[in-house]
Amino acid sequence: MRAALVVTAVVSAIGLAACGSSSSKSTSSNSPSASPSTSGASSSGASTGASSSAAPASTAAGAVTIKMVNIAFSPASTSVKVGQTVKWTNQDSVEHNVVATAGATFKSPNFGAGGSYSHKFTKAGKVSYVCTIHPNMKATLTVTK
């Protein structure tokens, strides 16, 4: 009887661990009402400290990746071209979100470690955004033609 209870507890714990918040959520719509979709793909790479320089973010097939690491966006300032998609990837152990505060309209759901959110930029200009969970976590994008 005791062994059956231990096995049941272990199986339950494994099941709960698999239900963590590490799923990727992404959307590439410009509409703030777009529903996120779960994606098995995630960005990998070594974690680096936050940067406030205009260093280019990593790119793959026209997409630009911005890391969320050490409660900061890295890089904190970068440039993209109209038509490019920016993908924010959470490399922290806490949840984050991405919300435009000026120059564009987008709002991600909260997403945990390993999760991501994408947005395609369709007009030139300066875009400011923040993680509303961590209000000091701010960054900018310059979208060029």
N, C-alpha and C. Protein backbone atom coordinates (compact mmCIF):
# COMPACT_ATOMS: atom_id res chain seq x y z
N MET A 1 0.82 -1.20 0.00
CA MET A 1 0.00 0.00 0.00
C MET A 1 0.86 1.26 0.00
N ARG A 2 1.86 1.31 0.88
CA ARG A 2 2.74 2.47 0.97
C ARG A 2 3.50 2.68 -0.33
N ALA A 3 3.98 1.61 -0.96
CA ALA A 3 4.71 1.70 -2.23
C ALA A 3 3.80 2.27 -3.33
N ALA A 4 2.54 1.89 -3.32
CA ALA A 4 1.60 2.40 -4.33
C ALA A 4 1.40 3.90 -4.16
N LEU A 5 1.36 4.38 -2.92
CA LEU A 5 1.22 5.81 -2.68
C LEU A 5 2.45 6.57 -3.15
N VAL A 6 3.63 6.03 -2.93
CA VAL A 6 4.87 6.68 -3.36
C VAL A 6 4.91 6.76 -4.89
N VAL A 7 4.56 5.66 -5.57
CA VAL A 7 4.54 5.65 -7.03
C VAL A 7 3.54 6.66 -7.55
N THR A 8 2.36 6.73 -6.95
CA THR A 8 1.34 7.69 -7.37
C THR A 8 1.84 9.13 -7.19
N ALA A 9 2.50 9.41 -6.08
CA ALA A 9 3.02 10.76 -5.83
C ALA A 9 4.10 11.13 -6.84
N VAL A 10 4.98 10.20 -7.17
CA VAL A 10 6.06 10.46 -8.14
C VAL A 10 5.45 10.72 -9.52
N VAL A 11 4.50 9.89 -9.93
CA VAL A 11 3.87 10.07 -11.25
C VAL A 11 3.15 11.41 -11.30
N SER A 12 2.46 11.80 -10.21
CA SER A 12 1.78 13.10 -10.18
C SER A 12 2.77 14.25 -10.27
N ALA A 13 3.88 14.15 -9.56
CA ALA A 13 4.89 15.21 -9.60
C ALA A 13 5.47 15.37 -10.99
N ILE A 14 5.73 14.26 -11.67
CA ILE A 14 6.26 14.32 -13.04
C ILE A 14 5.24 14.96 -13.96
N GLY A 15 3.98 14.62 -13.80
CA GLY A 15 2.92 15.21 -14.63
C GLY A 15 2.80 16.69 -14.41
N LEU A 16 2.90 17.15 -13.15
CA LEU A 16 2.83 18.58 -12.87
C LEU A 16 4.03 19.32 -13.42
N ALA A 17 5.21 18.71 -13.35
CA ALA A 17 6.41 19.36 -13.89
C ALA A 17 6.29 19.56 -15.39
N ALA A 18 5.65 18.64 -16.07
CA ALA A 18 5.48 18.75 -17.52
C ALA A 18 4.49 19.83 -17.89
N CYS A 19 3.70 20.31 -16.93
CA CYS A 19 2.70 21.35 -17.20
C CYS A 19 3.23 22.74 -16.89
N GLY A 20 4.53 22.91 -16.80
CA GLY A 20 5.12 24.22 -16.49
C GLY A 20 4.84 25.25 -17.56
N SER A 21 5.34 26.45 -17.36
CA SER A 21 5.06 27.55 -18.27
C SER A 21 6.17 27.75 -19.30
N SER A 22 6.79 26.65 -19.73
CA SER A 22 7.90 26.80 -20.66
C SER A 22 7.47 26.69 -22.12
N SER A 23 6.18 26.65 -22.39
CA SER A 23 5.77 26.56 -23.78
C SER A 23 5.97 27.90 -24.47
N SER A 24 6.29 27.83 -25.76
CA SER A 24 6.48 29.05 -26.54
C SER A 24 5.14 29.57 -26.99
N LYS A 25 4.96 30.86 -26.89
CA LYS A 25 3.77 31.49 -27.42
C LYS A 25 4.24 32.52 -28.42
N SER A 26 3.69 32.45 -29.61
CA SER A 26 4.10 33.44 -30.58
C SER A 26 2.94 33.76 -31.50
N THR A 27 3.00 34.96 -32.01
CA THR A 27 2.05 35.39 -33.01
C THR A 27 2.76 36.37 -33.92
N SER A 28 2.41 36.36 -35.17
CA SER A 28 3.08 37.28 -36.08
C SER A 28 2.10 38.28 -36.66
N SER A 29 1.01 38.46 -36.00
CA SER A 29 -0.01 39.38 -36.48
C SER A 29 0.24 40.77 -35.92
N ASN A 30 -0.16 41.77 -36.68
CA ASN A 30 -0.07 43.14 -36.20
C ASN A 30 -1.26 43.51 -35.34
N SER A 31 -2.25 42.67 -35.31
CA SER A 31 -3.46 42.96 -34.56
C SER A 31 -3.26 42.65 -33.09
N PRO A 32 -3.63 43.57 -32.20
CA PRO A 32 -3.47 43.31 -30.78
C PRO A 32 -4.41 42.22 -30.31
N SER A 33 -5.43 41.86 -31.10
CA SER A 33 -6.37 40.84 -30.68
C SER A 33 -6.00 39.47 -31.23
N ALA A 34 -4.84 39.34 -31.85
CA ALA A 34 -4.43 38.05 -32.40
C ALA A 34 -4.21 37.07 -31.27
N SER A 35 -4.64 35.84 -31.49
CA SER A 35 -4.47 34.85 -30.45
C SER A 35 -3.12 34.17 -30.59
N PRO A 36 -2.44 33.94 -29.47
CA PRO A 36 -1.12 33.32 -29.53
C PRO A 36 -1.26 31.84 -29.87
N SER A 37 -0.25 31.30 -30.48
CA SER A 37 -0.25 29.88 -30.79
C SER A 37 0.95 29.24 -30.13
N THR A 38 0.81 27.99 -29.75
CA THR A 38 1.90 27.29 -29.10
C THR A 38 2.83 26.75 -30.17
N SER A 39 4.11 26.92 -29.94
CA SER A 39 5.11 26.48 -30.90
C SER A 39 6.17 25.69 -30.17
N GLY A 40 6.63 24.60 -30.75
CA GLY A 40 7.67 23.80 -30.13
C GLY A 40 9.04 24.38 -30.37
N ALA A 41 9.17 25.32 -31.28
CA ALA A 41 10.47 25.88 -31.61
C ALA A 41 10.87 26.91 -30.58
N SER A 42 12.12 26.89 -30.22
CA SER A 42 12.63 27.92 -29.33
C SER A 42 14.02 28.30 -29.76
N SER A 43 14.39 29.50 -29.43
CA SER A 43 15.71 30.00 -29.79
C SER A 43 16.71 29.51 -28.78
N SER A 44 17.90 29.13 -29.24
CA SER A 44 18.91 28.70 -28.29
C SER A 44 20.13 29.57 -28.44
N GLY A 45 20.96 29.56 -27.43
CA GLY A 45 22.18 30.35 -27.47
C GLY A 45 22.61 30.67 -26.07
N ALA A 46 23.83 31.09 -25.95
CA ALA A 46 24.36 31.42 -24.64
C ALA A 46 23.74 32.71 -24.14
N SER A 47 23.49 32.74 -22.87
CA SER A 47 22.95 33.95 -22.26
C SER A 47 24.06 34.98 -22.16
N THR A 48 23.70 36.21 -22.46
CA THR A 48 24.65 37.30 -22.29
C THR A 48 24.00 38.37 -21.47
N GLY A 49 24.77 39.26 -20.95
CA GLY A 49 24.24 40.35 -20.15
C GLY A 49 23.46 41.33 -21.00
N ALA A 50 22.69 42.17 -20.36
CA ALA A 50 21.90 43.17 -21.06
C ALA A 50 22.81 44.19 -21.73
N SER A 51 22.34 44.69 -22.84
CA SER A 51 23.13 45.67 -23.57
C SER A 51 22.28 46.88 -23.86
N SER A 52 22.84 48.05 -23.71
CA SER A 52 22.09 49.25 -24.03
C SER A 52 22.58 49.86 -25.34
N SER A 53 23.49 49.16 -26.01
CA SER A 53 24.01 49.67 -27.28
C SER A 53 23.07 49.31 -28.41
N ALA A 54 23.31 49.88 -29.57
CA ALA A 54 22.49 49.61 -30.73
C ALA A 54 23.04 48.43 -31.52
N ALA A 55 23.67 47.49 -30.86
CA ALA A 55 24.21 46.31 -31.52
C ALA A 55 23.08 45.54 -32.17
N PRO A 56 23.35 44.94 -33.32
CA PRO A 56 22.29 44.21 -33.99
C PRO A 56 21.89 42.97 -33.21
N ALA A 57 20.61 42.68 -33.20
CA ALA A 57 20.12 41.46 -32.59
C ALA A 57 20.40 40.31 -33.55
N SER A 58 20.35 39.09 -33.07
CA SER A 58 20.60 37.96 -33.96
C SER A 58 19.49 37.86 -34.99
N THR A 59 19.85 37.45 -36.20
CA THR A 59 18.86 37.34 -37.26
C THR A 59 18.88 35.95 -37.86
N ALA A 60 17.72 35.50 -38.30
CA ALA A 60 17.58 34.23 -38.99
C ALA A 60 16.40 34.35 -39.94
N ALA A 61 16.66 34.17 -41.22
CA ALA A 61 15.62 34.23 -42.24
C ALA A 61 14.78 35.51 -42.14
N GLY A 62 15.45 36.64 -41.95
CA GLY A 62 14.75 37.91 -41.90
C GLY A 62 14.17 38.25 -40.54
N ALA A 63 14.19 37.32 -39.61
CA ALA A 63 13.69 37.60 -38.27
C ALA A 63 14.81 38.14 -37.40
N VAL A 64 14.45 38.96 -36.44
CA VAL A 64 15.40 39.53 -35.49
C VAL A 64 15.01 39.00 -34.11
N THR A 65 15.97 38.47 -33.37
CA THR A 65 15.69 37.93 -32.04
C THR A 65 16.24 38.85 -30.97
N ILE A 66 15.39 39.18 -30.02
CA ILE A 66 15.79 39.97 -28.86
C ILE A 66 15.61 39.08 -27.64
N LYS A 67 16.67 38.95 -26.86
CA LYS A 67 16.63 38.10 -25.67
C LYS A 67 16.08 38.89 -24.49
N MET A 68 15.41 38.18 -23.61
CA MET A 68 14.96 38.72 -22.34
C MET A 68 15.79 37.95 -21.30
N VAL A 69 16.82 38.62 -20.78
CA VAL A 69 17.76 37.96 -19.89
C VAL A 69 18.20 38.93 -18.80
N ASN A 70 18.32 38.44 -17.59
CA ASN A 70 18.69 39.26 -16.43
C ASN A 70 17.72 40.43 -16.24
N ILE A 71 16.46 40.17 -16.44
CA ILE A 71 15.38 41.17 -16.31
C ILE A 71 15.69 42.40 -17.17
N ALA A 72 16.10 42.14 -18.41
CA ALA A 72 16.39 43.22 -19.37
C ALA A 72 16.23 42.69 -20.79
N PHE A 73 15.95 43.60 -21.71
CA PHE A 73 15.93 43.26 -23.13
C PHE A 73 17.37 43.38 -23.64
N SER A 74 17.80 42.42 -24.44
CA SER A 74 19.16 42.45 -24.97
C SER A 74 19.14 42.12 -26.46
N PRO A 75 19.46 43.10 -27.29
CA PRO A 75 19.88 44.46 -26.98
C PRO A 75 18.69 45.33 -26.58
N ALA A 76 18.98 46.40 -25.86
CA ALA A 76 17.94 47.32 -25.41
C ALA A 76 17.53 48.29 -26.51
N SER A 77 18.36 48.41 -27.54
CA SER A 77 18.06 49.29 -28.67
C SER A 77 18.63 48.64 -29.92
N THR A 78 17.80 48.54 -30.95
CA THR A 78 18.26 47.95 -32.21
C THR A 78 17.41 48.48 -33.36
N SER A 79 17.85 48.18 -34.57
CA SER A 79 17.12 48.60 -35.77
C SER A 79 16.67 47.38 -36.56
N VAL A 80 15.49 47.51 -37.16
CA VAL A 80 14.95 46.49 -38.05
C VAL A 80 14.38 47.20 -39.26
N LYS A 81 14.10 46.45 -40.30
CA LYS A 81 13.51 47.02 -41.50
C LYS A 81 12.03 46.71 -41.55
N VAL A 82 11.28 47.58 -42.23
CA VAL A 82 9.86 47.34 -42.46
C VAL A 82 9.71 45.95 -43.08
N GLY A 83 8.80 45.18 -42.57
CA GLY A 83 8.56 43.82 -43.08
C GLY A 83 9.26 42.74 -42.26
N GLN A 84 10.22 43.13 -41.43
CA GLN A 84 10.90 42.14 -40.61
C GLN A 84 10.05 41.79 -39.38
N THR A 85 10.25 40.58 -38.90
CA THR A 85 9.60 40.12 -37.69
C THR A 85 10.61 40.13 -36.56
N VAL A 86 10.19 40.63 -35.41
CA VAL A 86 11.02 40.60 -34.21
C VAL A 86 10.46 39.50 -33.31
N LYS A 87 11.36 38.68 -32.79
CA LYS A 87 10.99 37.61 -31.88
C LYS A 87 11.69 37.85 -30.54
N TRP A 88 10.90 38.03 -29.49
CA TRP A 88 11.44 38.19 -28.14
C TRP A 88 11.44 36.81 -27.50
N THR A 89 12.57 36.39 -26.96
CA THR A 89 12.71 35.07 -26.36
C THR A 89 13.08 35.21 -24.88
N ASN A 90 12.30 34.60 -24.01
CA ASN A 90 12.51 34.69 -22.57
C ASN A 90 13.57 33.68 -22.13
N GLN A 91 14.72 34.18 -21.69
CA GLN A 91 15.78 33.32 -21.18
C GLN A 91 15.93 33.48 -19.67
N ASP A 92 14.96 34.14 -19.04
CA ASP A 92 14.94 34.28 -17.59
C ASP A 92 14.07 33.17 -16.99
N SER A 93 14.14 33.02 -15.68
CA SER A 93 13.33 32.01 -15.00
C SER A 93 11.98 32.57 -14.55
N VAL A 94 11.73 33.84 -14.83
CA VAL A 94 10.46 34.49 -14.47
C VAL A 94 9.68 34.84 -15.73
N GLU A 95 8.38 35.07 -15.59
CA GLU A 95 7.56 35.43 -16.73
C GLU A 95 7.84 36.86 -17.17
N HIS A 96 7.64 37.09 -18.46
CA HIS A 96 7.75 38.42 -19.05
C HIS A 96 6.60 38.61 -20.03
N ASN A 97 6.46 39.83 -20.52
CA ASN A 97 5.59 40.13 -21.65
C ASN A 97 6.24 41.27 -22.43
N VAL A 98 5.66 41.60 -23.56
CA VAL A 98 6.17 42.68 -24.41
C VAL A 98 4.97 43.53 -24.80
N VAL A 99 5.01 44.82 -24.43
CA VAL A 99 3.88 45.71 -24.70
C VAL A 99 4.42 47.01 -25.29
N ALA A 100 3.90 47.38 -26.47
CA ALA A 100 4.30 48.65 -27.10
C ALA A 100 3.77 49.81 -26.28
N THR A 101 4.62 50.83 -26.10
CA THR A 101 4.18 52.03 -25.38
C THR A 101 4.13 53.25 -26.29
N ALA A 102 4.79 53.17 -27.46
CA ALA A 102 4.76 54.28 -28.43
C ALA A 102 5.23 53.76 -29.79
N GLY A 103 4.64 54.27 -30.85
CA GLY A 103 5.10 53.98 -32.19
C GLY A 103 4.53 52.73 -32.84
N ALA A 104 3.85 51.90 -32.10
CA ALA A 104 3.23 50.68 -32.64
C ALA A 104 2.19 50.20 -31.64
N THR A 105 1.43 49.20 -32.05
CA THR A 105 0.42 48.62 -31.17
C THR A 105 0.60 47.11 -31.15
N PHE A 106 1.08 46.59 -30.05
CA PHE A 106 1.13 45.14 -29.83
C PHE A 106 1.20 44.88 -28.34
N LYS A 107 0.71 43.72 -27.94
CA LYS A 107 0.72 43.33 -26.54
C LYS A 107 0.74 41.81 -26.49
N SER A 108 1.81 41.27 -25.94
CA SER A 108 1.91 39.82 -25.84
C SER A 108 1.22 39.34 -24.57
N PRO A 109 0.90 38.06 -24.55
CA PRO A 109 0.51 37.47 -23.26
C PRO A 109 1.77 37.30 -22.42
N ASN A 110 1.64 37.01 -21.14
CA ASN A 110 2.79 36.68 -20.31
C ASN A 110 3.33 35.33 -20.77
N PHE A 111 4.65 35.18 -20.80
CA PHE A 111 5.23 33.89 -21.16
C PHE A 111 6.47 33.62 -20.33
N GLY A 112 6.65 32.36 -19.99
CA GLY A 112 7.72 31.94 -19.09
C GLY A 112 9.00 31.59 -19.80
N ALA A 113 9.90 30.99 -19.04
CA ALA A 113 11.23 30.59 -19.53
C ALA A 113 11.10 29.75 -20.80
N GLY A 114 11.87 30.12 -21.82
CA GLY A 114 11.84 29.40 -23.08
C GLY A 114 10.74 29.85 -24.02
N GLY A 115 9.80 30.64 -23.53
CA GLY A 115 8.70 31.12 -24.36
C GLY A 115 9.13 32.28 -25.24
N SER A 116 8.32 32.58 -26.23
CA SER A 116 8.65 33.68 -27.13
C SER A 116 7.38 34.35 -27.65
N TYR A 117 7.56 35.53 -28.19
CA TYR A 117 6.48 36.30 -28.81
C TYR A 117 7.07 36.99 -30.03
N SER A 118 6.32 36.99 -31.14
CA SER A 118 6.79 37.62 -32.37
C SER A 118 5.81 38.67 -32.87
N HIS A 119 6.36 39.69 -33.52
CA HIS A 119 5.55 40.75 -34.11
C HIS A 119 6.23 41.22 -35.39
N LYS A 120 5.45 41.36 -36.47
CA LYS A 120 5.97 41.85 -37.75
C LYS A 120 5.70 43.35 -37.86
N PHE A 121 6.75 44.10 -38.19
CA PHE A 121 6.63 45.55 -38.28
C PHE A 121 6.35 45.97 -39.71
N THR A 122 5.30 46.79 -39.90
CA THR A 122 4.84 47.14 -41.23
C THR A 122 5.00 48.62 -41.57
N LYS A 123 5.48 49.44 -40.61
CA LYS A 123 5.71 50.85 -40.92
C LYS A 123 6.95 51.34 -40.20
N ALA A 124 7.60 52.31 -40.83
CA ALA A 124 8.84 52.88 -40.28
C ALA A 124 8.52 53.78 -39.08
N GLY A 125 9.50 53.89 -38.19
CA GLY A 125 9.37 54.79 -37.05
C GLY A 125 10.09 54.23 -35.84
N LYS A 126 10.04 54.99 -34.76
CA LYS A 126 10.66 54.56 -33.51
C LYS A 126 9.59 53.91 -32.64
N VAL A 127 9.88 52.74 -32.12
CA VAL A 127 8.94 51.98 -31.30
C VAL A 127 9.55 51.79 -29.91
N SER A 128 8.79 52.16 -28.89
CA SER A 128 9.19 51.92 -27.51
C SER A 128 8.33 50.80 -26.96
N TYR A 129 8.93 49.94 -26.13
CA TYR A 129 8.17 48.85 -25.53
C TYR A 129 8.71 48.54 -24.14
N VAL A 130 7.90 47.79 -23.37
CA VAL A 130 8.21 47.50 -21.98
C VAL A 130 7.68 46.11 -21.63
N CYS A 131 8.24 45.53 -20.58
CA CYS A 131 7.64 44.37 -19.92
C CYS A 131 6.83 44.95 -18.77
N THR A 132 5.52 44.84 -18.83
CA THR A 132 4.71 45.47 -17.79
C THR A 132 4.82 44.75 -16.44
N ILE A 133 5.33 43.53 -16.43
CA ILE A 133 5.57 42.82 -15.18
C ILE A 133 6.77 43.45 -14.46
N HIS A 134 7.74 43.91 -15.25
CA HIS A 134 8.97 44.53 -14.74
C HIS A 134 9.10 45.91 -15.40
N PRO A 135 8.43 46.93 -14.88
CA PRO A 135 8.34 48.24 -15.54
C PRO A 135 9.66 48.92 -15.85
N ASN A 136 10.74 48.55 -15.18
CA ASN A 136 12.04 49.13 -15.51
C ASN A 136 12.69 48.44 -16.70
N MET A 137 12.05 47.41 -17.21
CA MET A 137 12.55 46.65 -18.36
C MET A 137 11.98 47.29 -19.62
N LYS A 138 12.74 48.24 -20.19
CA LYS A 138 12.28 49.02 -21.33
C LYS A 138 13.30 48.91 -22.46
N ALA A 139 12.81 49.11 -23.70
CA ALA A 139 13.71 49.08 -24.86
C ALA A 139 13.08 49.81 -26.03
N THR A 140 13.88 50.01 -27.09
CA THR A 140 13.38 50.68 -28.29
C THR A 140 13.83 49.94 -29.55
N LEU A 141 13.04 50.14 -30.58
CA LEU A 141 13.37 49.64 -31.93
C LEU A 141 13.26 50.82 -32.87
N THR A 142 14.15 50.89 -33.83
CA THR A 142 14.01 51.84 -34.91
C THR A 142 13.69 51.03 -36.15
N VAL A 143 12.51 51.26 -36.71
CA VAL A 143 12.07 50.53 -37.90
C VAL A 143 12.32 51.42 -39.11
N THR A 144 13.18 50.95 -40.02
CA THR A 144 13.56 51.73 -41.22
C THR A 144 12.95 51.12 -42.46
N LYS A 145 12.89 51.95 -43.51
CA LYS A 145 12.35 51.47 -44.80
C LYS A 145 13.31 50.62 -45.54
